[in-house]
Amino acid sequence: MVRGVSARDIEELYAVRAALEGLMAACAATRVDAAAVTRLESLVERNARLVDLPQEAAEAGHGLHLAIAEIAGNDWATKLHSQVDAQMSRYRHYTNETQKRREAALDEHRRIVEALRTGNAATARSAAESHVLAARDTALASIAGRLRAQRL
Protein backbone atom coordinates (compact mmCIF):
# COMPACT_ATOMS: atom_id res chain seq x y z
CA MET A 1 0.00 0.00 0.00
CA VAL A 2 1.35 3.41 -0.96
CA ARG A 3 0.98 5.98 1.78
CA GLY A 4 -0.72 9.23 0.85
CA VAL A 5 0.64 12.70 1.29
CA SER A 6 -0.04 14.29 4.67
CA ALA A 7 0.63 17.76 6.03
CA ARG A 8 2.30 16.24 9.08
CA ASP A 9 4.72 14.23 6.93
CA ILE A 10 5.62 17.34 4.97
CA GLU A 11 6.09 19.45 8.08
CA GLU A 12 8.27 16.85 9.80
CA LEU A 13 10.33 15.98 6.74
CA TYR A 14 11.02 19.59 5.84
CA ALA A 15 11.89 20.41 9.47
CA VAL A 16 14.51 17.66 9.46
CA ARG A 17 15.75 18.75 6.04
CA ALA A 18 16.00 22.40 7.21
CA ALA A 19 18.09 21.37 10.21
CA LEU A 20 20.41 19.23 8.09
CA GLU A 21 20.75 21.78 5.30
CA GLY A 22 21.47 24.49 7.88
CA LEU A 23 24.11 22.36 9.55
CA MET A 24 25.74 21.49 6.24
CA ALA A 25 25.74 25.11 5.06
CA ALA A 26 27.38 26.18 8.33
CA CYS A 27 29.99 23.44 7.99
CA ALA A 28 30.59 24.34 4.34
CA ALA A 29 31.15 27.98 5.28
CA THR A 30 34.13 26.92 7.39
CA ARG A 31 35.61 24.72 4.66
CA VAL A 32 34.84 26.50 1.41
CA ASP A 33 37.75 27.60 -0.78
CA ALA A 34 37.96 29.65 -3.98
CA ALA A 35 37.48 26.62 -6.23
CA ALA A 36 34.38 25.56 -4.31
CA VAL A 37 32.94 29.08 -4.50
CA THR A 38 33.50 29.09 -8.27
CA ARG A 39 31.73 25.74 -8.51
CA LEU A 40 28.78 26.95 -6.40
CA GLU A 41 28.47 30.18 -8.38
CA SER A 42 28.45 28.15 -11.60
CA LEU A 43 25.64 25.98 -10.24
CA VAL A 44 23.62 29.06 -9.28
CA GLU A 45 24.11 30.52 -12.75
CA ARG A 46 22.94 27.23 -14.27
CA ASN A 47 19.89 27.47 -12.02
CA ALA A 48 19.31 31.03 -13.30
CA ARG A 49 19.46 29.92 -16.94
CA LEU A 50 16.87 27.21 -16.22
CA VAL A 51 14.55 29.15 -13.88
CA ASP A 52 11.74 29.18 -16.48
CA LEU A 53 11.72 25.37 -16.71
CA PRO A 54 10.22 23.69 -13.61
CA GLN A 55 11.92 20.28 -13.80
CA GLU A 56 15.27 21.57 -15.00
CA ALA A 57 15.31 24.35 -12.38
CA ALA A 58 14.56 21.80 -9.67
CA GLU A 59 17.41 19.59 -10.84
CA ALA A 60 19.80 22.55 -10.94
CA GLY A 61 18.81 23.60 -7.42
CA HIS A 62 19.15 20.05 -6.19
CA GLY A 63 22.66 19.94 -7.63
CA LEU A 64 23.57 23.02 -5.61
CA HIS A 65 22.30 21.43 -2.41
CA LEU A 66 24.32 18.28 -3.08
CA ALA A 67 27.45 20.34 -3.76
CA ILE A 68 27.05 22.17 -0.45
CA ALA A 69 26.66 18.82 1.31
CA GLU A 70 29.88 17.61 -0.30
CA ILE A 71 31.79 20.76 0.66
CA ALA A 72 30.50 20.50 4.24
CA GLY A 73 32.38 17.26 4.72
CA ASN A 74 30.11 16.08 7.53
CA ASP A 75 29.70 12.37 6.86
CA TRP A 76 26.79 11.82 9.24
CA ALA A 77 24.88 14.83 7.99
CA THR A 78 25.45 13.64 4.42
CA LYS A 79 24.17 10.15 5.23
CA LEU A 80 21.07 11.47 6.95
CA HIS A 81 20.52 14.04 4.21
CA SER A 82 20.63 11.25 1.63
CA GLN A 83 17.83 9.45 3.45
CA VAL A 84 15.75 12.62 3.72
CA ASP A 85 16.48 13.47 0.09
CA ALA A 86 15.09 10.10 -1.01
CA GLN A 87 11.80 10.97 0.70
CA MET A 88 11.84 14.50 -0.72
CA SER A 89 11.30 13.14 -4.22
CA ARG A 90 7.64 12.67 -3.27
CA TYR A 91 7.21 16.39 -2.58
CA ARG A 92 9.86 18.26 -4.58
CA HIS A 93 7.58 18.94 -7.56
CA TYR A 94 5.09 20.74 -5.30
CA THR A 95 7.73 23.32 -4.38
CA ASN A 96 8.68 24.22 -7.93
CA GLU A 97 5.38 24.59 -9.74
CA THR A 98 5.24 28.39 -9.99
CA GLN A 99 7.59 30.83 -11.64
CA LYS A 100 7.37 33.05 -8.56
CA ARG A 101 8.66 30.27 -6.28
CA ARG A 102 11.40 29.24 -8.72
CA GLU A 103 12.65 32.84 -8.82
CA ALA A 104 12.45 33.13 -5.03
CA ALA A 105 14.39 29.87 -4.65
CA LEU A 106 17.03 31.20 -7.03
CA ASP A 107 17.41 34.34 -4.90
CA GLU A 108 17.63 32.16 -1.79
CA HIS A 109 20.33 30.05 -3.45
CA ARG A 110 22.27 33.23 -4.22
CA ARG A 111 22.06 34.31 -0.56
CA ILE A 112 23.31 30.93 0.62
CA VAL A 113 26.26 31.00 -1.79
CA GLU A 114 27.12 34.58 -0.80
CA ALA A 115 27.19 33.57 2.87
CA LEU A 116 29.42 30.64 1.97
CA ARG A 117 31.70 32.86 -0.13
CA THR A 118 32.21 35.18 2.84
CA GLY A 119 32.66 32.30 5.28
CA ASN A 120 29.72 33.41 7.43
CA ALA A 121 28.53 30.16 9.00
CA ALA A 122 25.63 31.70 10.94
CA THR A 123 24.23 33.47 7.89
CA ALA A 124 24.73 30.38 5.73
CA ARG A 125 22.85 28.26 8.27
CA SER A 126 20.01 30.76 8.56
CA ALA A 127 19.72 31.22 4.79
CA ALA A 128 19.68 27.47 4.15
CA GLU A 129 17.08 26.81 6.84
CA SER A 130 14.87 29.66 5.62
CA HIS A 131 15.12 28.37 2.06
CA VAL A 132 13.95 24.90 3.03
CA LEU A 133 11.14 26.24 5.21
CA ALA A 134 9.93 28.46 2.35
CA ALA A 135 9.84 25.35 0.15
CA ARG A 136 7.86 23.58 2.88
CA ASP A 137 5.32 26.40 3.00
CA THR A 138 4.96 26.25 -0.78
CA ALA A 139 4.48 22.49 -0.73
CA LEU A 140 1.83 22.73 1.97
CA ALA A 141 -0.05 25.45 0.10
CA SER A 142 0.16 23.50 -3.14
CA ILE A 143 -1.39 20.36 -1.70
CA ALA A 144 -3.91 22.03 0.61
CA GLY A 145 -6.81 21.19 -1.66
CA ARG A 146 -5.72 17.57 -2.00
CA LEU A 147 -5.41 17.20 1.75
CA ARG A 148 -8.89 18.62 2.30
CA ALA A 149 -10.27 16.18 -0.26
CA GLN A 150 -8.59 13.26 1.56
CA ARG A 151 -10.30 14.21 4.82
CA LEU A 152 -13.77 14.16 3.25
C-alpha atoms as a PDB file:
ATOM      1  CA  MET A   1       0.000   0.000   0.000  1.00  0.00           C
ATOM      2  CA  VAL A   2       1.352   3.412  -0.958  1.00  0.00           C
ATOM      3  CA  ARG A   3       0.983   5.975   1.776  1.00  0.00           C
ATOM      4  CA  GLY A   4      -0.719   9.232   0.846  1.00  0.00           C
ATOM      5  CA  VAL A   5       0.635  12.701   1.295  1.00  0.00           C
ATOM      6  CA  SER A   6      -0.043  14.286   4.673  1.00  0.00           C
ATOM      7  CA  ALA A   7       0.629  17.755   6.026  1.00  0.00           C
ATOM      8  CA  ARG A   8       2.297  16.236   9.076  1.00  0.00           C
ATOM      9  CA  ASP A   9       4.717  14.229   6.935  1.00  0.00           C
ATOM     10  CA  ILE A  10       5.623  17.335   4.968  1.00  0.00           C
ATOM     11  CA  GLU A  11       6.086  19.450   8.083  1.00  0.00           C
ATOM     12  CA  GLU A  12       8.271  16.851   9.796  1.00  0.00           C
ATOM     13  CA  LEU A  13      10.334  15.980   6.742  1.00  0.00           C
ATOM     14  CA  TYR A  14      11.018  19.593   5.844  1.00  0.00           C
ATOM     15  CA  ALA A  15      11.895  20.408   9.472  1.00  0.00           C
ATOM     16  CA  VAL A  16      14.512  17.658   9.456  1.00  0.00           C
ATOM     17  CA  ARG A  17      15.754  18.748   6.044  1.00  0.00           C
ATOM     18  CA  ALA A  18      15.998  22.399   7.206  1.00  0.00           C
ATOM     19  CA  ALA A  19      18.095  21.374  10.214  1.00  0.00           C
ATOM     20  CA  LEU A  20      20.406  19.226   8.086  1.00  0.00           C
ATOM     21  CA  GLU A  21      20.754  21.781   5.298  1.00  0.00           C
ATOM     22  CA  GLY A  22      21.471  24.494   7.878  1.00  0.00           C
ATOM     23  CA  LEU A  23      24.108  22.356   9.546  1.00  0.00           C
ATOM     24  CA  MET A  24      25.741  21.487   6.235  1.00  0.00           C
ATOM     25  CA  ALA A  25      25.743  25.105   5.061  1.00  0.00           C
ATOM     26  CA  ALA A  26      27.382  26.180   8.331  1.00  0.00           C
ATOM     27  CA  CYS A  27      29.991  23.442   7.987  1.00  0.00           C
ATOM     28  CA  ALA A  28      30.586  24.335   4.341  1.00  0.00           C
ATOM     29  CA  ALA A  29      31.146  27.985   5.283  1.00  0.00           C
ATOM     30  CA  THR A  30      34.126  26.923   7.388  1.00  0.00           C
ATOM     31  CA  ARG A  31      35.608  24.716   4.661  1.00  0.00           C
ATOM     32  CA  VAL A  32      34.840  26.502   1.408  1.00  0.00           C
ATOM     33  CA  ASP A  33      37.746  27.602  -0.780  1.00  0.00           C
ATOM     34  CA  ALA A  34      37.965  29.645  -3.979  1.00  0.00           C
ATOM     35  CA  ALA A  35      37.479  26.620  -6.226  1.00  0.00           C
ATOM     36  CA  ALA A  36      34.378  25.560  -4.311  1.00  0.00           C
ATOM     37  CA  VAL A  37      32.940  29.076  -4.499  1.00  0.00           C
ATOM     38  CA  THR A  38      33.498  29.093  -8.265  1.00  0.00           C
ATOM     39  CA  ARG A  39      31.731  25.743  -8.511  1.00  0.00           C
ATOM     40  CA  LEU A  40      28.777  26.947  -6.404  1.00  0.00           C
ATOM     41  CA  GLU A  41      28.466  30.179  -8.377  1.00  0.00           C
ATOM     42  CA  SER A  42      28.453  28.154 -11.596  1.00  0.00           C
ATOM     43  CA  LEU A  43      25.645  25.981 -10.238  1.00  0.00           C
ATOM     44  CA  VAL A  44      23.617  29.058  -9.279  1.00  0.00           C
ATOM     45  CA  GLU A  45      24.111  30.522 -12.750  1.00  0.00           C
ATOM     46  CA  ARG A  46      22.941  27.226 -14.272  1.00  0.00           C
ATOM     47  CA  ASN A  47      19.887  27.466 -12.016  1.00  0.00           C
ATOM     48  CA  ALA A  48      19.312  31.031 -13.298  1.00  0.00           C
ATOM     49  CA  ARG A  49      19.464  29.918 -16.936  1.00  0.00           C
ATOM     50  CA  LEU A  50      16.872  27.209 -16.221  1.00  0.00           C
ATOM     51  CA  VAL A  51      14.551  29.147 -13.884  1.00  0.00           C
ATOM     52  CA  ASP A  52      11.744  29.184 -16.480  1.00  0.00           C
ATOM     53  CA  LEU A  53      11.716  25.372 -16.711  1.00  0.00           C
ATOM     54  CA  PRO A  54      10.222  23.686 -13.614  1.00  0.00           C
ATOM     55  CA  GLN A  55      11.919  20.284 -13.802  1.00  0.00           C
ATOM     56  CA  GLU A  56      15.266  21.575 -14.997  1.00  0.00           C
ATOM     57  CA  ALA A  57      15.313  24.353 -12.378  1.00  0.00           C
ATOM     58  CA  ALA A  58      14.556  21.796  -9.674  1.00  0.00           C
ATOM     59  CA  GLU A  59      17.409  19.589 -10.842  1.00  0.00           C
ATOM     60  CA  ALA A  60      19.800  22.546 -10.935  1.00  0.00           C
ATOM     61  CA  GLY A  61      18.808  23.597  -7.422  1.00  0.00           C
ATOM     62  CA  HIS A  62      19.147  20.047  -6.188  1.00  0.00           C
ATOM     63  CA  GLY A  63      22.657  19.937  -7.634  1.00  0.00           C
ATOM     64  CA  LEU A  64      23.570  23.020  -5.614  1.00  0.00           C
ATOM     65  CA  HIS A  65      22.295  21.427  -2.410  1.00  0.00           C
ATOM     66  CA  LEU A  66      24.322  18.283  -3.075  1.00  0.00           C
ATOM     67  CA  ALA A  67      27.451  20.339  -3.761  1.00  0.00           C
ATOM     68  CA  ILE A  68      27.054  22.166  -0.454  1.00  0.00           C
ATOM     69  CA  ALA A  69      26.658  18.820   1.309  1.00  0.00           C
ATOM     70  CA  GLU A  70      29.877  17.606  -0.297  1.00  0.00           C
ATOM     71  CA  ILE A  71      31.787  20.759   0.665  1.00  0.00           C
ATOM     72  CA  ALA A  72      30.496  20.496   4.239  1.00  0.00           C
ATOM     73  CA  GLY A  73      32.385  17.257   4.715  1.00  0.00           C
ATOM     74  CA  ASN A  74      30.112  16.081   7.534  1.00  0.00           C
ATOM     75  CA  ASP A  75      29.696  12.366   6.856  1.00  0.00           C
ATOM     76  CA  TRP A  76      26.786  11.823   9.243  1.00  0.00           C
ATOM     77  CA  ALA A  77      24.876  14.833   7.988  1.00  0.00           C
ATOM     78  CA  THR A  78      25.453  13.638   4.415  1.00  0.00           C
ATOM     79  CA  LYS A  79      24.169  10.147   5.233  1.00  0.00           C
ATOM     80  CA  LEU A  80      21.075  11.469   6.951  1.00  0.00           C
ATOM     81  CA  HIS A  81      20.524  14.040   4.208  1.00  0.00           C
ATOM     82  CA  SER A  82      20.630  11.252   1.629  1.00  0.00           C
ATOM     83  CA  GLN A  83      17.833   9.448   3.454  1.00  0.00           C
ATOM     84  CA  VAL A  84      15.755  12.615   3.721  1.00  0.00           C
ATOM     85  CA  ASP A  85      16.484  13.472   0.089  1.00  0.00           C
ATOM     86  CA  ALA A  86      15.092  10.105  -1.013  1.00  0.00           C
ATOM     87  CA  GLN A  87      11.798  10.970   0.700  1.00  0.00           C
ATOM     88  CA  MET A  88      11.837  14.505  -0.717  1.00  0.00           C
ATOM     89  CA  SER A  89      11.303  13.144  -4.223  1.00  0.00           C
ATOM     90  CA  ARG A  90       7.639  12.675  -3.267  1.00  0.00           C
ATOM     91  CA  TYR A  91       7.213  16.393  -2.584  1.00  0.00           C
ATOM     92  CA  ARG A  92       9.855  18.260  -4.584  1.00  0.00           C
ATOM     93  CA  HIS A  93       7.584  18.943  -7.563  1.00  0.00           C
ATOM     94  CA  TYR A  94       5.095  20.744  -5.296  1.00  0.00           C
ATOM     95  CA  THR A  95       7.729  23.315  -4.380  1.00  0.00           C
ATOM     96  CA  ASN A  96       8.683  24.217  -7.926  1.00  0.00           C
ATOM     97  CA  GLU A  97       5.380  24.595  -9.743  1.00  0.00           C
ATOM     98  CA  THR A  98       5.238  28.389  -9.994  1.00  0.00           C
ATOM     99  CA  GLN A  99       7.594  30.833 -11.635  1.00  0.00           C
ATOM    100  CA  LYS A 100       7.373  33.053  -8.557  1.00  0.00           C
ATOM    101  CA  ARG A 101       8.657  30.269  -6.284  1.00  0.00           C
ATOM    102  CA  ARG A 102      11.399  29.245  -8.720  1.00  0.00           C
ATOM    103  CA  GLU A 103      12.650  32.840  -8.821  1.00  0.00           C
ATOM    104  CA  ALA A 104      12.451  33.134  -5.033  1.00  0.00           C
ATOM    105  CA  ALA A 105      14.386  29.871  -4.653  1.00  0.00           C
ATOM    106  CA  LEU A 106      17.034  31.195  -7.033  1.00  0.00           C
ATOM    107  CA  ASP A 107      17.413  34.345  -4.901  1.00  0.00           C
ATOM    108  CA  GLU A 108      17.631  32.159  -1.792  1.00  0.00           C
ATOM    109  CA  HIS A 109      20.333  30.053  -3.448  1.00  0.00           C
ATOM    110  CA  ARG A 110      22.272  33.230  -4.221  1.00  0.00           C
ATOM    111  CA  ARG A 111      22.065  34.315  -0.559  1.00  0.00           C
ATOM    112  CA  ILE A 112      23.309  30.928   0.615  1.00  0.00           C
ATOM    113  CA  VAL A 113      26.257  31.003  -1.791  1.00  0.00           C
ATOM    114  CA  GLU A 114      27.117  34.582  -0.802  1.00  0.00           C
ATOM    115  CA  ALA A 115      27.189  33.565   2.866  1.00  0.00           C
ATOM    116  CA  LEU A 116      29.418  30.637   1.968  1.00  0.00           C
ATOM    117  CA  ARG A 117      31.698  32.863  -0.130  1.00  0.00           C
ATOM    118  CA  THR A 118      32.206  35.183   2.842  1.00  0.00           C
ATOM    119  CA  GLY A 119      32.658  32.295   5.280  1.00  0.00           C
ATOM    120  CA  ASN A 120      29.725  33.410   7.425  1.00  0.00           C
ATOM    121  CA  ALA A 121      28.530  30.165   8.998  1.00  0.00           C
ATOM    122  CA  ALA A 122      25.631  31.700  10.944  1.00  0.00           C
ATOM    123  CA  THR A 123      24.232  33.471   7.891  1.00  0.00           C
ATOM    124  CA  ALA A 124      24.733  30.377   5.729  1.00  0.00           C
ATOM    125  CA  ARG A 125      22.847  28.262   8.274  1.00  0.00           C
ATOM    126  CA  SER A 126      20.010  30.760   8.558  1.00  0.00           C
ATOM    127  CA  ALA A 127      19.717  31.222   4.787  1.00  0.00           C
ATOM    128  CA  ALA A 128      19.682  27.467   4.145  1.00  0.00           C
ATOM    129  CA  GLU A 129      17.081  26.811   6.844  1.00  0.00           C
ATOM    130  CA  SER A 130      14.874  29.661   5.619  1.00  0.00           C
ATOM    131  CA  HIS A 131      15.123  28.368   2.061  1.00  0.00           C
ATOM    132  CA  VAL A 132      13.952  24.899   3.032  1.00  0.00           C
ATOM    133  CA  LEU A 133      11.140  26.235   5.207  1.00  0.00           C
ATOM    134  CA  ALA A 134       9.935  28.458   2.354  1.00  0.00           C
ATOM    135  CA  ALA A 135       9.842  25.351   0.155  1.00  0.00           C
ATOM    136  CA  ARG A 136       7.861  23.583   2.882  1.00  0.00           C
ATOM    137  CA  ASP A 137       5.320  26.397   2.997  1.00  0.00           C
ATOM    138  CA  THR A 138       4.964  26.254  -0.779  1.00  0.00           C
ATOM    139  CA  ALA A 139       4.476  22.489  -0.730  1.00  0.00           C
ATOM    140  CA  LEU A 140       1.828  22.732   1.968  1.00  0.00           C
ATOM    141  CA  ALA A 141      -0.048  25.445   0.104  1.00  0.00           C
ATOM    142  CA  SER A 142       0.157  23.496  -3.138  1.00  0.00           C
ATOM    143  CA  ILE A 143      -1.395  20.358  -1.698  1.00  0.00           C
ATOM    144  CA  ALA A 144      -3.911  22.029   0.611  1.00  0.00           C
ATOM    145  CA  GLY A 145      -6.812  21.191  -1.660  1.00  0.00           C
ATOM    146  CA  ARG A 146      -5.719  17.569  -1.998  1.00  0.00           C
ATOM    147  CA  LEU A 147      -5.406  17.199   1.750  1.00  0.00           C
ATOM    148  CA  ARG A 148      -8.891  18.617   2.305  1.00  0.00           C
ATOM    149  CA  ALA A 149     -10.269  16.177  -0.262  1.00  0.00           C
ATOM    150  CA  GLN A 150      -8.592  13.257   1.562  1.00  0.00           C
ATOM    151  CA  ARG A 151     -10.301  14.212   4.816  1.00  0.00           C
ATOM    152  CA  LEU A 152     -13.773  14.156   3.248  1.00  0.00           C
END
